[in-house]
Protein backbone atom coordinates (compact mmCIF):
# COMPACT_ATOMS: atom_id res chain seq x y z
CA MET A 1 -72.41 146.39 -113.81
CA GLU A 2 -72.11 144.25 -110.87
CA CYS A 3 -73.35 146.37 -107.72
CA LYS A 4 -76.00 145.44 -104.71
CA LYS A 5 -75.69 148.19 -102.84
CA SER A 6 -76.44 148.83 -98.69
CA ILE A 7 -78.47 152.38 -98.44
CA ILE A 8 -80.14 151.51 -95.00
CA SER A 9 -78.01 149.79 -92.35
CA ASN A 10 -81.71 148.08 -90.31
CA ASN A 11 -83.71 145.35 -92.08
CA SER A 12 -86.09 147.72 -93.04
CA SER A 13 -88.58 146.03 -95.81
CA HIS A 14 -88.96 148.93 -97.77
CA LEU A 15 -86.60 151.98 -99.24
CA LYS A 16 -87.42 155.24 -97.19
CA THR A 17 -88.10 158.05 -99.95
CA ILE A 18 -85.70 161.12 -99.93
CA ASP A 19 -87.92 162.47 -97.59
CA ASP A 20 -87.82 160.65 -95.63
CA ARG A 21 -83.84 160.25 -95.52
CA LEU A 22 -83.20 163.22 -94.97
CA ASN A 23 -85.92 164.60 -92.52
CA ASN A 24 -85.43 161.54 -90.00
CA PRO A 25 -85.05 163.19 -86.49
CA LYS A 26 -82.80 160.04 -85.84
CA LEU A 27 -80.20 159.89 -88.27
CA SER A 28 -76.71 158.60 -87.12
CA LYS A 29 -73.93 160.54 -86.70
CA LEU A 30 -72.17 158.61 -89.07
CA GLU A 31 -74.34 159.27 -91.80
CA LYS A 32 -74.35 162.67 -90.91
CA THR A 33 -70.75 162.85 -91.58
CA GLN A 34 -70.92 161.21 -94.97
CA ARG A 35 -73.18 163.61 -96.19
CA LYS A 36 -71.49 167.15 -95.10
CA VAL A 37 -68.09 164.84 -97.07
CA PHE A 38 -70.01 164.54 -99.60
CA ILE A 39 -71.75 167.88 -100.44
CA ASP A 40 -68.19 169.62 -99.49
CA ILE A 41 -66.58 168.11 -102.19
CA VAL A 42 -69.20 168.27 -105.11
CA LYS A 43 -69.91 171.95 -104.28
CA LYS A 44 -66.43 172.69 -105.36
CA LEU A 45 -67.02 170.35 -108.96
CA PRO A 46 -66.42 172.21 -111.86
CA LEU A 47 -69.34 170.67 -114.01
CA ASP A 48 -70.10 173.59 -116.54
CA ASN A 49 -73.87 171.48 -117.07
CA GLY A 50 -72.01 167.86 -117.35
CA LYS A 51 -73.29 164.95 -117.10
CA VAL A 52 -73.06 162.41 -114.18
CA LEU A 53 -73.41 158.72 -113.19
CA SER A 54 -75.38 157.81 -110.01
CA LEU A 55 -74.30 154.28 -110.03
CA SER A 56 -76.89 151.59 -107.73
CA CYS A 57 -78.75 154.80 -106.89
CA GLY A 58 -80.72 153.19 -103.90
CA ASN A 59 -83.42 155.36 -102.90
CA GLY A 60 -81.94 158.47 -105.34
CA VAL A 61 -81.39 160.29 -101.85
CA TRP A 62 -76.82 161.17 -103.21
CA ASP A 63 -78.27 161.95 -106.70
CA TYR A 64 -81.11 164.60 -104.56
CA LEU A 65 -78.05 166.05 -102.66
CA LEU A 66 -75.61 166.76 -105.52
CA CYS A 67 -78.19 167.89 -107.46
CA GLU A 68 -79.12 170.77 -104.02
CA ASN A 69 -75.47 171.53 -103.54
CA ASN A 70 -74.48 171.66 -107.52
CA SER A 71 -76.65 173.55 -110.18
CA SER A 72 -74.21 172.85 -112.88
CA VAL A 73 -75.40 169.06 -113.53
CA ASN A 74 -77.54 169.08 -116.50
CA GLU A 75 -77.78 165.47 -116.96
CA MET A 76 -77.76 162.56 -114.96
CA THR A 77 -78.29 158.59 -115.16
CA ALA A 78 -79.09 156.83 -112.19
CA THR A 79 -78.73 152.65 -112.35
CA ASP A 80 -78.98 149.73 -110.02
CA ILE A 81 -79.51 145.78 -111.16
CA VAL A 82 -83.21 146.12 -110.15
CA ASN A 83 -85.88 147.46 -111.60
CA CYS A 84 -86.00 151.63 -110.99
CA PRO A 85 -86.06 152.12 -106.77
CA VAL A 86 -86.24 155.21 -107.01
CA SER A 87 -89.87 155.80 -106.50
CA ILE A 88 -92.16 157.81 -108.76
CA GLU A 89 -92.54 160.84 -106.88
CA ASP A 90 -88.95 161.56 -105.96
CA GLN A 91 -88.00 160.65 -109.51
CA GLY A 92 -90.31 163.91 -110.33
CA MET A 93 -88.16 165.94 -107.23
CA LEU A 94 -84.93 164.41 -108.95
CA LYS A 95 -85.99 165.79 -112.57
CA GLU A 96 -86.95 169.14 -111.25
CA TYR A 97 -83.32 170.00 -111.10
CA CYS A 98 -81.87 168.37 -114.39
CA ASP A 99 -82.66 166.05 -116.64
CA TRP A 100 -82.78 162.23 -114.54
CA ASN A 101 -83.45 159.57 -115.95
CA PHE A 102 -82.93 155.85 -115.11
CA VAL A 103 -81.28 152.68 -116.84
CA LYS A 104 -81.16 149.42 -115.58
CA VAL A 105 -78.11 147.48 -115.21
CA LYS A 106 -76.81 143.79 -115.48
CA PRO A 107 -74.69 142.41 -112.69
CA SER A 108 -70.64 141.81 -113.81
CA GLU A 109 -71.37 143.20 -117.63
CA ARG A 110 -70.39 146.33 -119.17
CA LEU A 111 -71.77 149.05 -118.45
CA PRO A 112 -74.68 150.51 -121.70
CA PHE A 113 -72.68 153.36 -122.46
CA GLU A 114 -69.86 154.56 -124.24
CA GLU A 115 -66.53 155.78 -123.42
CA ASN A 116 -65.69 159.59 -122.47
CA SER A 117 -69.57 159.73 -121.35
CA PHE A 118 -69.64 161.84 -118.19
CA ASP A 119 -67.87 164.34 -116.02
CA PHE A 120 -68.69 163.04 -112.67
CA ILE A 121 -69.49 159.46 -111.22
CA PHE A 122 -70.13 158.49 -107.89
CA HIS A 123 -71.28 155.78 -105.10
CA HIS A 124 -71.71 154.84 -101.70
CA ASP A 125 -71.78 151.78 -100.24
CA VAL A 126 -71.41 149.88 -103.03
CA ILE A 127 -68.26 148.54 -103.65
CA GLU A 128 -68.08 146.08 -101.08
CA HIS A 129 -70.68 144.85 -102.42
CA THR A 130 -69.49 143.22 -105.68
CA GLU A 131 -67.51 140.19 -106.37
CA HIS A 132 -64.95 142.01 -109.42
CA PRO A 133 -64.49 145.31 -107.55
CA TYR A 134 -61.45 146.41 -110.06
CA LYS A 135 -63.69 145.26 -113.03
CA PHE A 136 -66.41 147.46 -111.51
CA LEU A 137 -63.91 150.58 -111.63
CA LYS A 138 -62.10 150.12 -115.35
CA GLU A 139 -65.97 150.24 -116.44
CA GLN A 140 -66.09 153.27 -114.77
CA PHE A 141 -62.78 154.96 -115.43
CA ARG A 142 -63.93 153.60 -119.45
CA VAL A 143 -66.88 155.29 -119.21
CA LEU A 144 -65.75 158.68 -117.53
CA ASN A 145 -64.53 161.68 -119.84
CA LYS A 146 -61.00 162.71 -119.69
CA GLY A 147 -60.29 165.31 -116.83
CA GLY A 148 -64.08 163.62 -115.20
CA THR A 149 -63.68 162.67 -111.51
CA LEU A 150 -64.52 159.76 -109.69
CA LEU A 151 -66.46 159.69 -105.78
CA CYS A 152 -66.27 156.31 -104.03
CA GLY A 153 -67.68 155.97 -100.16
CA THR A 154 -66.65 152.80 -98.40
CA PRO A 155 -66.88 151.31 -95.52
CA ASN A 156 -63.53 151.07 -93.55
CA LEU A 157 -62.19 147.38 -93.07
CA PHE A 158 -60.33 148.61 -90.43
CA ARG A 159 -63.46 150.29 -88.11
CA PRO A 160 -63.85 149.46 -84.46
CA GLY A 161 -66.34 147.43 -85.19
CA ASN A 162 -65.07 144.83 -87.42
CA ILE A 163 -61.26 145.02 -85.11
CA ILE A 164 -63.80 143.65 -82.33
CA LYS A 165 -65.63 141.20 -84.39
CA LEU A 166 -62.15 140.08 -85.73
CA LEU A 167 -60.62 139.41 -82.15
CA SER A 168 -63.33 137.41 -80.71
CA GLY A 169 -62.97 135.21 -84.53
CA ARG A 170 -66.27 136.96 -86.01
CA LEU A 171 -65.24 138.99 -89.19
CA LYS A 172 -65.78 137.16 -91.86
CA PHE A 173 -67.05 137.60 -95.55
CA PRO A 174 -69.38 137.14 -97.72
CA VAL A 175 -72.48 138.44 -94.33
CA LYS A 176 -75.25 139.49 -95.16
CA ILE A 177 -76.30 143.05 -93.34
CA GLY A 178 -79.93 143.63 -94.37
CA TYR A 179 -83.24 143.44 -97.24
CA ASN A 180 -85.52 145.27 -98.95
CA GLU A 181 -88.33 144.18 -101.08
CA GLU A 182 -86.63 146.35 -103.72
CA ILE A 183 -82.83 145.52 -103.52
CA GLY A 184 -83.25 142.15 -102.05
CA ASP A 185 -80.53 141.05 -100.25
CA TYR A 186 -77.39 143.32 -98.33
CA ILE A 187 -74.19 140.95 -99.13
CA HIS A 188 -70.80 142.64 -97.94
CA VAL A 189 -68.54 140.21 -100.27
CA GLN A 190 -65.33 141.75 -99.33
CA GLU A 191 -64.64 145.27 -97.70
CA PHE A 192 -61.67 147.24 -98.17
CA HIS A 193 -59.15 149.28 -96.40
CA GLU A 194 -57.68 152.88 -97.33
CA GLN A 195 -54.00 151.48 -99.16
CA GLN A 196 -55.37 148.70 -100.50
CA LEU A 197 -58.18 150.43 -102.54
CA LYS A 198 -55.61 153.75 -103.23
CA LEU A 199 -53.94 150.69 -105.42
CA LEU A 200 -56.58 150.06 -106.77
CA LEU A 201 -57.86 152.63 -108.05
CA ARG A 202 -54.21 153.22 -109.36
CA GLU A 203 -54.31 150.27 -110.88
CA VAL A 204 -56.66 150.92 -112.73
CA GLY A 205 -55.34 154.20 -113.77
CA PHE A 206 -56.87 156.94 -111.92
CA THR A 207 -54.94 159.77 -110.29
CA ASP A 208 -54.43 162.89 -107.97
CA ILE A 209 -56.47 160.38 -105.61
CA LYS A 210 -57.82 161.73 -102.43
CA VAL A 211 -59.67 160.14 -99.23
CA LYS A 212 -61.61 162.02 -96.89
CA HIS A 213 -62.03 160.42 -93.21
CA CYS A 214 -65.78 159.72 -91.96
CA TYR A 215 -66.18 159.03 -87.97
CA PHE A 216 -63.81 157.61 -85.10
CA GLY A 217 -66.16 155.71 -82.94
CA LEU A 218 -68.64 153.01 -82.52
CA SER A 219 -71.31 153.30 -85.45
CA PHE A 220 -73.63 151.37 -83.65
CA THR A 221 -73.90 152.85 -80.36
CA ASN A 222 -73.50 155.89 -82.34
CA ILE A 223 -70.30 156.83 -79.91
CA CYS A 224 -68.21 159.09 -81.57
CA PHE A 225 -64.68 159.95 -80.78
CA SER A 226 -64.36 162.86 -84.17
CA MET A 227 -66.61 163.54 -86.91
CA TYR A 228 -63.77 163.29 -89.11
CA PRO A 229 -60.23 162.19 -87.94
CA LYS A 230 -57.26 163.92 -88.26
CA ASN A 231 -54.64 161.60 -86.53
CA ASN A 232 -53.25 158.63 -87.57
CA LEU A 233 -54.66 156.62 -85.17
CA GLY A 234 -58.48 158.61 -85.79
CA LYS A 235 -58.30 158.25 -89.81
CA SER A 236 -56.43 154.05 -89.64
CA VAL A 237 -59.67 153.31 -88.02
CA SER A 238 -62.34 155.87 -88.89
CA HIS A 239 -65.56 154.20 -89.97
CA PHE A 240 -66.44 155.22 -93.77
CA LEU A 241 -63.52 156.48 -96.56
CA ILE A 242 -64.38 158.27 -99.52
CA PHE A 243 -62.23 158.55 -102.42
CA THR A 244 -62.14 160.32 -105.54
CA GLY A 245 -59.99 159.68 -108.46
CA LYS A 246 -59.38 161.45 -111.21
CA LYS A 247 -59.17 160.11 -115.24
């Protein structure tokens, strides 16, 4: 299934380990908010020894945060379009929590799983890297169990940094935002605003769609006006959006 993930925001030549990501003393305020919202959501998931699909897993830090905060995960299948980018040591750590396994997938092709295979599917910083977002989400709908939950996190097209670029005529897609040896180039093919992605999720078939807004400010300067914006202005131009939906 097509996906090329941005899990780091710099031009580091190698992926960081899970421990490096978790204990990074320079962790951005943006990622702190992403983690808190993600953890708040997954803590409440009634998985009941459920099966989980982690799409475009990168170095596995989100897999770890799920396992650490929901003991009901029984089996987790992680995917990426490259050979497993999770280090051998980190794979061992994840397998201490659940039956964790990795499956390499092909861009723009069907996921190699049967219908109704998973209770929870999640991905962060992935859909903006896909050329066919409807097909990308439709495959997730197909392999999700009835009553299951999808979590999709993506940068907001209308975030302040993009508005500045738009006004100066520099907002263009696709755009390369980074590179590392394990994944290759990080290309944002397109980005989404809240209503656009809500409509896409509904068109695919998801219901009970909810969105959490993360970080109103300029992430590249670490200037933050609100970690979890509540008013209309803050929500509309927050940096990151985390959607959940049901099948």
